[in-house]
C-alpha cells in the first residue's frame, strides 16, 4: 500500500516511515523541516534536522517538503494514498506557552487539514495526541516513595477525566485536534483514530529540555554534559519505544476501529526520571552531573497508560523493554556524537 506520514522526518514519523518501507510499502514523508524544537538543545540544529531526511531518503522513502498548515500541499501529497499517519505536531508545552499561535496553527489547523485530505480521498487516518490532555490535577493524588511517585489508580484509561488542573496552550490545541477527529468520525464516517501517546523514545530523537526527556538524558550522559531535572526527579511515565509506536499505527490500519486510544508502555514500562538516569548510568558506565530546578507550569508528575482498550480492539501491546530500548538509543548516540557537539 501507499502510506503518507506527516512529520515524516521527526522522531516518531521517521520510525513509522522506516517500518512501512521495510514492509515493502510505498511511503511518502511530508515535513516542513523547521528547527524550532532544536533551538535550545545546543546541537548542530541543521545537521540534526537533516539527519532523518537523509536516513529515510537512503531507504527509498519519497521525501516531500511541505507544511500541514497549507491545505493544497497536504492534498497533493495525499493523492493515491491508502493510509495517513499524522505525526506532525508542535509537541512541547514550553514552546506552546512561548508561541501559542505557532502551537494553534500546527496542532489545530494542521490536524484539520490532514482530516480534510483524509475525508476528500476517503483515507483512514490516525492522529497523534498526548496524555497531557488529562491535565495535571493527577499531581494532587500522588504518594511519594524513595525513587518515584505512585498513584491510585496506578494506570489511566480513555474514560478518566480530562483537562483537569492547569491548562496551557498545548492542552487546548491537542484537545481541539481530538475533537476534530471525533467530528470527522461522527459526521463523515471517517475511519479515524486519536492516539494519546505517552513518553516515547528511541534512536533519531533529538531530545532537549523542551521535549524528549529520555533521549535528552541519554545524549547528555554520553556527551558528559550537565542534566537538568525540573522537580524532584520522581516523576513517572510508562515510556514507549519507537518501533512499538509504529506497530500501533499499523494495528489501527489493520483493525480500523475508530475512536480514542491511550497508547503507552503500561505498568510494565513505568519508570521515574531518576530511575531512568540510574539505568542509563548502568548501561553507559558514565557518571552524571544532575542539576535540580523548580517544576514548570503545567508539568504532569505521573502518568501510566491503561492500554486494555488497545490490546482488545487493536490487538496491540508493546514488546521492547525499557533496558533494550535505552541500550539501542545509547548505541545510536554513540555513533552520532558529532551532531551533539553543536
Protein backbone atom coordinates (compact mmCIF):
# COMPACT_ATOMS: atom_id res chain seq x y z
CA UNK A 1 0.00 0.00 0.00
CA UNK A 2 0.96 3.69 -0.06
CA UNK A 3 1.35 5.47 3.29
CA UNK A 4 1.63 9.22 3.92
CA UNK A 5 3.43 10.16 7.13
CA UNK A 6 3.13 13.82 8.12
CA UNK A 7 6.08 14.98 10.19
CA UNK A 8 7.92 12.15 8.49
CA UNK A 9 11.37 13.48 9.38
CA UNK A 10 10.51 13.82 13.05
CA UNK A 11 11.34 11.16 15.59
CA UNK A 12 8.08 9.16 15.56
CA UNK A 13 7.46 9.93 11.90
CA UNK A 14 10.85 8.61 10.80
CA UNK A 15 10.31 5.31 12.62
CA UNK A 16 6.86 4.99 11.05
CA UNK A 17 8.34 5.57 7.59
CA UNK A 18 11.06 3.02 8.31
CA UNK A 19 8.53 0.47 9.49
CA UNK A 20 6.40 0.67 6.34
CA UNK A 21 9.23 0.92 3.80
CA UNK A 22 10.81 -2.21 5.30
CA UNK A 23 7.44 -3.97 4.93
CA UNK A 24 7.66 -3.27 1.22
CA UNK A 25 5.09 -0.47 1.13
CA UNK A 26 5.39 2.85 -0.70
CA UNK A 27 5.99 5.67 1.76
CA UNK A 28 5.73 9.47 1.47
CA UNK A 29 7.40 11.52 4.22
CA UNK A 30 5.88 15.01 4.42
CA UNK A 31 7.74 17.52 6.59
CA UNK A 32 8.35 21.27 6.72
CA UNK A 33 11.84 20.79 8.22
CA UNK A 34 11.53 23.54 10.83
CA UNK A 35 14.14 23.74 13.58
CA UNK A 36 12.16 25.39 16.38
CA UNK A 37 12.22 22.26 18.56
CA UNK A 38 16.02 22.25 18.41
CA UNK A 39 16.60 25.88 19.39
CA UNK A 40 17.64 25.19 22.99
CA UNK A 41 19.29 21.80 22.56
CA UNK A 42 22.77 23.12 21.83
CA UNK A 43 23.12 20.62 18.98
CA UNK A 44 24.08 21.39 15.41
CA UNK A 45 20.42 22.00 14.58
CA UNK A 46 20.74 22.00 10.78
CA UNK A 47 22.70 18.73 10.75
CA UNK A 48 20.29 17.24 13.28
CA UNK A 49 17.28 18.30 11.23
CA UNK A 50 18.69 16.77 8.03
CA UNK A 51 19.79 13.51 9.68
CA UNK A 52 16.41 11.77 9.44
CA UNK A 53 15.73 13.14 5.94
CA UNK A 54 18.96 11.54 4.66
CA UNK A 55 18.26 8.33 6.56
CA UNK A 56 14.81 7.95 5.00
CA UNK A 57 15.96 9.01 1.55
CA UNK A 58 18.57 6.23 1.62
CA UNK A 59 15.82 3.73 2.48
CA UNK A 60 13.83 4.73 -0.60
CA UNK A 61 11.16 6.86 1.07
CA UNK A 62 9.73 9.61 -1.15
CA UNK A 63 10.60 12.90 0.54
CA UNK A 64 8.26 15.91 0.26
CA UNK A 65 8.97 19.27 1.89
CA UNK A 66 5.62 20.78 2.80
CA UNK A 67 3.56 22.22 5.64
CA UNK A 68 0.39 20.67 7.11
CA UNK A 69 -0.89 24.22 7.60
CA UNK A 70 -1.07 24.52 3.81
CA UNK A 71 -4.13 22.57 2.64
CA UNK A 72 -3.22 22.39 -1.09
CA UNK A 73 0.18 20.93 -0.21
CA UNK A 74 -1.25 18.20 2.01
CA UNK A 75 -3.98 17.42 -0.55
CA UNK A 76 -1.35 16.93 -3.23
CA UNK A 77 0.77 14.69 -1.01
CA UNK A 78 -2.23 12.54 -0.01
CA UNK A 79 -3.32 11.70 -3.58
CA UNK A 80 -3.36 7.96 -4.18
CA UNK A 81 -2.52 7.09 -0.57
CA UNK A 82 -4.16 4.24 1.37
CA UNK A 83 -3.36 5.47 4.89
CA UNK A 84 -2.28 8.68 6.64
CA UNK A 85 -0.28 8.67 9.87
CA UNK A 86 -0.39 12.22 11.24
CA UNK A 87 2.64 12.75 13.46
CA UNK A 88 3.36 16.39 12.50
CA UNK A 89 2.88 18.49 15.62
CA UNK A 90 4.11 21.13 17.99
CA UNK A 91 4.72 18.76 20.93
CA UNK A 92 6.36 20.87 23.64
CA UNK A 93 4.48 22.59 26.45
CA UNK A 94 7.26 25.16 26.90
CA UNK A 95 7.13 26.19 23.22
CA UNK A 96 3.32 26.27 23.29
CA UNK A 97 3.42 28.73 26.19
CA UNK A 98 6.01 30.92 24.45
CA UNK A 99 4.45 30.76 20.96
CA UNK A 100 0.72 29.99 21.29
CA UNK A 101 -0.09 30.98 17.69
CA UNK A 102 2.51 28.54 16.33
CA UNK A 103 1.03 25.88 18.60
CA UNK A 104 -2.54 26.58 17.44
CA UNK A 105 -1.70 26.65 13.74
CA UNK A 106 0.32 23.43 13.84
CA UNK A 107 -1.85 21.35 16.14
CA UNK A 108 -5.34 22.60 15.23
CA UNK A 109 -5.23 23.91 11.66
CA UNK A 110 -2.67 21.26 10.68
CA UNK A 111 -4.81 18.46 12.07
CA UNK A 112 -7.93 19.87 10.41
CA UNK A 113 -6.14 19.95 7.03
CA UNK A 114 -4.99 16.35 7.38
CA UNK A 115 -8.52 15.24 8.29
CA UNK A 116 -9.91 17.14 5.33
CA UNK A 117 -7.48 15.38 3.00
CA UNK A 118 -8.50 12.05 4.50
CA UNK A 119 -12.18 12.91 4.04
CA UNK A 120 -11.85 14.05 0.44
CA UNK A 121 -9.92 10.95 -0.60
CA UNK A 122 -11.64 8.54 1.86
CA UNK A 123 -8.36 7.51 3.52
CA UNK A 124 -8.08 6.03 7.03
CA UNK A 125 -6.07 8.29 9.33
CA UNK A 126 -4.56 8.17 12.80
CA UNK A 127 -3.82 11.36 14.74
CA UNK A 128 -1.18 11.77 17.45
CA UNK A 129 -2.40 13.44 20.63
CA UNK A 130 -0.84 13.37 24.08
CA UNK A 131 -1.53 12.19 27.61
CA UNK A 132 -1.16 15.84 28.64
CA UNK A 133 -4.84 16.39 27.72
CA UNK A 134 -5.68 14.77 31.08
CA UNK A 135 -4.17 17.83 32.78
CA UNK A 136 -2.02 17.91 35.91
CA UNK A 137 -4.65 17.58 38.63
CA UNK A 138 -3.37 14.00 38.90
CA UNK A 139 -0.45 15.57 40.78
CA UNK A 140 -2.75 16.12 43.79
CA UNK A 141 -3.34 12.37 44.26
CA UNK A 142 0.25 11.12 44.36
CA UNK A 143 2.23 9.38 47.08
CA UNK A 144 5.96 9.99 47.27
CA UNK A 145 8.22 6.95 47.64
CA UNK A 146 12.00 6.60 47.63
CA UNK A 147 12.58 6.79 43.87
CA UNK A 148 9.15 7.55 42.36
CA UNK A 149 5.63 8.80 42.81
CA UNK A 150 2.79 6.29 42.92
CA UNK A 151 -0.85 6.87 42.12
CA UNK A 152 -4.27 5.34 42.72
CA UNK A 153 -5.41 4.17 40.22
CA UNK A 154 -1.93 3.12 39.03
CA UNK A 155 -2.91 3.36 35.34
CA UNK A 156 -5.29 5.64 33.48
CA UNK A 157 -7.63 4.81 30.61
CA UNK A 158 -9.64 6.69 27.99
CA UNK A 159 -12.53 7.38 30.41
CA UNK A 160 -10.51 9.21 33.05
CA UNK A 161 -11.50 12.92 33.41
CA UNK A 162 -9.54 15.21 31.08
CA UNK A 163 -8.45 18.87 31.06
CA UNK A 164 -8.17 18.98 34.85
CA UNK A 165 -5.80 21.33 36.67
CA UNK A 166 -3.60 23.92 34.95
CA UNK A 167 -4.43 24.29 31.26
CA UNK A 168 -1.79 25.55 28.81
CA UNK A 169 -1.99 26.25 25.06
CA UNK A 170 -0.70 22.71 24.40
CA UNK A 171 -3.64 21.23 26.32
CA UNK A 172 -6.06 23.38 24.31
CA UNK A 173 -4.57 22.64 20.90
CA UNK A 174 -4.21 18.91 21.40
CA UNK A 175 -7.73 18.53 22.79
CA UNK A 176 -9.05 20.58 19.85
CA UNK A 177 -7.37 18.14 17.47
CA UNK A 178 -9.02 15.23 19.27
CA UNK A 179 -12.44 16.86 18.92
CA UNK A 180 -11.94 17.39 15.20
CA UNK A 181 -11.05 13.71 14.80
CA UNK A 182 -14.25 12.73 16.62
CA UNK A 183 -16.19 15.23 14.50
CA UNK A 184 -14.93 13.63 11.28
CA UNK A 185 -15.73 10.15 12.58
CA UNK A 186 -19.28 11.12 13.57
CA UNK A 187 -20.13 13.46 10.69
CA UNK A 188 -18.31 11.89 7.75
CA UNK A 189 -17.91 8.27 8.90
CA UNK A 190 -14.15 8.65 8.51
CA UNK A 191 -12.08 5.67 9.63
CA UNK A 192 -10.00 7.66 12.10
CA UNK A 193 -8.38 7.32 15.50
CA UNK A 194 -6.64 9.51 18.03
CA UNK A 195 -3.72 8.05 19.97
CA UNK A 196 -3.00 9.70 23.31
CA UNK A 197 0.71 8.97 23.43
CA UNK A 198 2.99 8.79 26.45
CA UNK A 199 6.79 9.32 26.79
CA UNK A 200 8.20 7.98 23.53
CA UNK A 201 11.90 7.42 22.93
CA UNK A 202 14.42 5.77 20.65
CA UNK A 203 17.15 6.42 18.06
CA UNK A 204 16.87 9.55 15.88
CA UNK A 205 15.25 11.51 18.71
CA UNK A 206 16.98 14.83 19.28
CA UNK A 207 15.70 15.33 22.81
CA UNK A 208 16.25 18.52 24.81
CA UNK A 209 14.85 20.34 27.81
CA UNK A 210 11.62 21.10 25.90
CA UNK A 211 10.74 17.63 24.64
CA UNK A 212 12.06 14.06 24.52
CA UNK A 213 13.41 13.64 28.03
CA UNK A 214 14.70 10.05 27.73
CA UNK A 215 16.80 10.95 24.68
CA UNK A 216 17.91 14.17 26.37
CA UNK A 217 19.17 12.20 29.38
CA UNK A 218 20.99 9.68 27.18
CA UNK A 219 22.59 12.33 24.96
CA UNK A 220 23.79 14.41 27.88
CA UNK A 221 25.11 11.36 29.73
CA UNK A 222 27.06 10.10 26.71
CA UNK A 223 28.37 13.61 25.94
CA UNK A 224 29.21 14.18 29.64
CA UNK A 225 27.07 17.30 29.87
CA UNK A 226 25.03 18.51 32.88
CA UNK A 227 21.46 17.20 33.11
CA UNK A 228 18.64 19.43 34.36
CA UNK A 229 15.66 17.93 36.20
CA UNK A 230 12.63 20.13 36.81
CA UNK A 231 11.09 18.96 40.10
CA UNK A 232 12.09 16.05 42.32
CA UNK A 233 13.02 13.54 39.61
CA UNK A 234 10.37 11.14 40.94
CA UNK A 235 8.02 11.93 38.05
CA UNK A 236 6.81 8.73 36.34
CA UNK A 237 5.98 7.79 32.73
CA UNK A 238 5.33 4.47 31.01
CA UNK A 239 7.88 5.01 28.28
CA UNK A 240 7.29 3.54 24.83
CA UNK A 241 9.94 2.57 22.27
CA UNK A 242 9.61 4.00 18.75
CA UNK A 243 9.10 0.74 16.85
CA UNK A 244 6.23 -0.16 19.20
CA UNK A 245 4.55 3.15 18.31
CA UNK A 246 4.86 2.36 14.58
CA UNK A 247 3.32 -1.07 15.18
CA UNK A 248 0.41 0.60 17.00
CA UNK A 249 -0.28 2.75 13.92
CA UNK A 250 -0.27 -0.36 11.75
CA UNK A 251 -2.54 -2.16 14.22
CA UNK A 252 -5.17 0.54 13.74
CA UNK A 253 -4.94 0.28 9.96
CA UNK A 254 -5.45 -3.49 10.10
CA UNK A 255 -8.42 -3.32 12.51
CA UNK A 256 -9.86 0.11 11.57
CA UNK A 257 -11.83 0.53 14.78
CA UNK A 258 -12.32 4.32 15.03
CA UNK A 259 -12.05 6.17 18.31
CA UNK A 260 -9.69 7.18 21.05
CA UNK A 261 -6.84 5.10 22.47
CA UNK A 262 -4.28 5.62 25.23
CA UNK A 263 -1.05 4.25 23.79
CA UNK A 264 1.91 3.73 26.09
CA UNK A 265 4.12 1.16 27.71
CA UNK A 266 1.68 0.38 30.52
CA UNK A 267 2.58 -0.66 34.06
CA UNK A 268 5.46 -2.91 32.95
CA UNK A 269 7.26 0.06 31.33
CA UNK A 270 6.70 2.63 34.09
CA UNK A 271 9.88 4.39 35.20
CA UNK A 272 10.73 7.58 37.07
CA UNK A 273 13.23 10.16 35.88
CA UNK A 274 15.84 9.22 38.48
CA UNK A 275 15.29 5.51 37.86
CA UNK A 276 15.82 6.16 34.16
CA UNK A 277 19.01 8.09 34.89
CA UNK A 278 20.29 5.20 37.02
CA UNK A 279 19.58 2.75 34.18
CA UNK A 280 21.38 4.99 31.67
CA UNK A 281 24.35 5.28 34.03
CA UNK A 282 24.46 1.49 34.39
CA UNK A 283 24.32 0.95 30.61
CA UNK A 284 26.89 3.64 29.69
CA UNK A 285 29.20 3.35 32.70
CA UNK A 286 29.38 7.16 32.80
CA UNK A 287 28.94 9.46 35.78
CA UNK A 288 26.23 12.14 35.59
CA UNK A 289 26.07 15.74 36.75
CA UNK A 290 22.46 16.46 37.71
CA UNK A 291 21.04 19.92 38.39
CA UNK A 292 17.62 20.30 40.04
CA UNK A 293 15.31 23.22 39.26
CA UNK A 294 11.69 24.06 40.12
CA UNK A 295 8.82 22.31 38.37
CA UNK A 296 7.48 24.02 35.25
CA UNK A 297 3.97 25.31 34.57
CA UNK A 298 1.60 22.50 33.62
CA UNK A 299 4.06 19.67 34.35
CA UNK A 300 2.41 16.30 34.89
CA UNK A 301 4.18 14.37 37.66
CA UNK A 302 2.66 10.93 36.98
CA UNK A 303 1.13 9.13 34.07
CA UNK A 304 0.89 5.43 33.25
CA UNK A 305 -1.45 4.31 30.46
CA UNK A 306 -4.06 1.62 30.87
CA UNK A 307 -3.68 0.01 27.43
CA UNK A 308 -6.51 -2.52 27.84
CA UNK A 309 -8.57 -0.98 25.03
CA UNK A 310 -5.67 -1.04 22.56
CA UNK A 311 -4.98 -4.68 23.45
CA UNK A 312 -8.60 -5.73 22.92
CA UNK A 313 -9.60 -3.51 19.99
CA UNK A 314 -6.32 -3.34 18.05
CA UNK A 315 -4.54 -6.50 19.22
CA UNK A 316 -1.52 -4.34 20.10
CA UNK A 317 0.85 -4.18 23.03
CA UNK A 318 4.48 -3.05 23.45
CA UNK A 319 7.28 -5.58 23.07
CA UNK A 320 10.54 -3.66 23.64
CA UNK A 321 11.69 -3.50 27.28
CA UNK A 322 13.00 -0.27 28.79
CA UNK A 323 16.54 -1.67 29.05
CA UNK A 324 16.60 -2.96 25.48
CA UNK A 325 15.21 0.30 24.09
CA UNK A 326 17.61 2.51 26.05
CA UNK A 327 20.55 0.32 25.00
CA UNK A 328 19.60 0.89 21.34
CA UNK A 329 19.28 4.64 21.96
CA UNK A 330 22.69 4.76 23.66
CA UNK A 331 24.25 2.94 20.70
CA UNK A 332 22.77 5.44 18.24
CA UNK A 333 24.00 8.45 20.25
CA UNK A 334 27.49 6.94 20.49
CA UNK A 335 27.53 6.56 16.69
CA UNK A 336 26.42 10.16 16.10
CA UNK A 337 28.38 12.22 18.63
CA UNK A 338 29.34 14.86 16.06
CA UNK A 339 25.73 16.07 15.87
CA UNK A 340 25.59 16.69 19.61
CA UNK A 341 28.82 18.67 19.82
CA UNK A 342 27.00 21.72 18.44
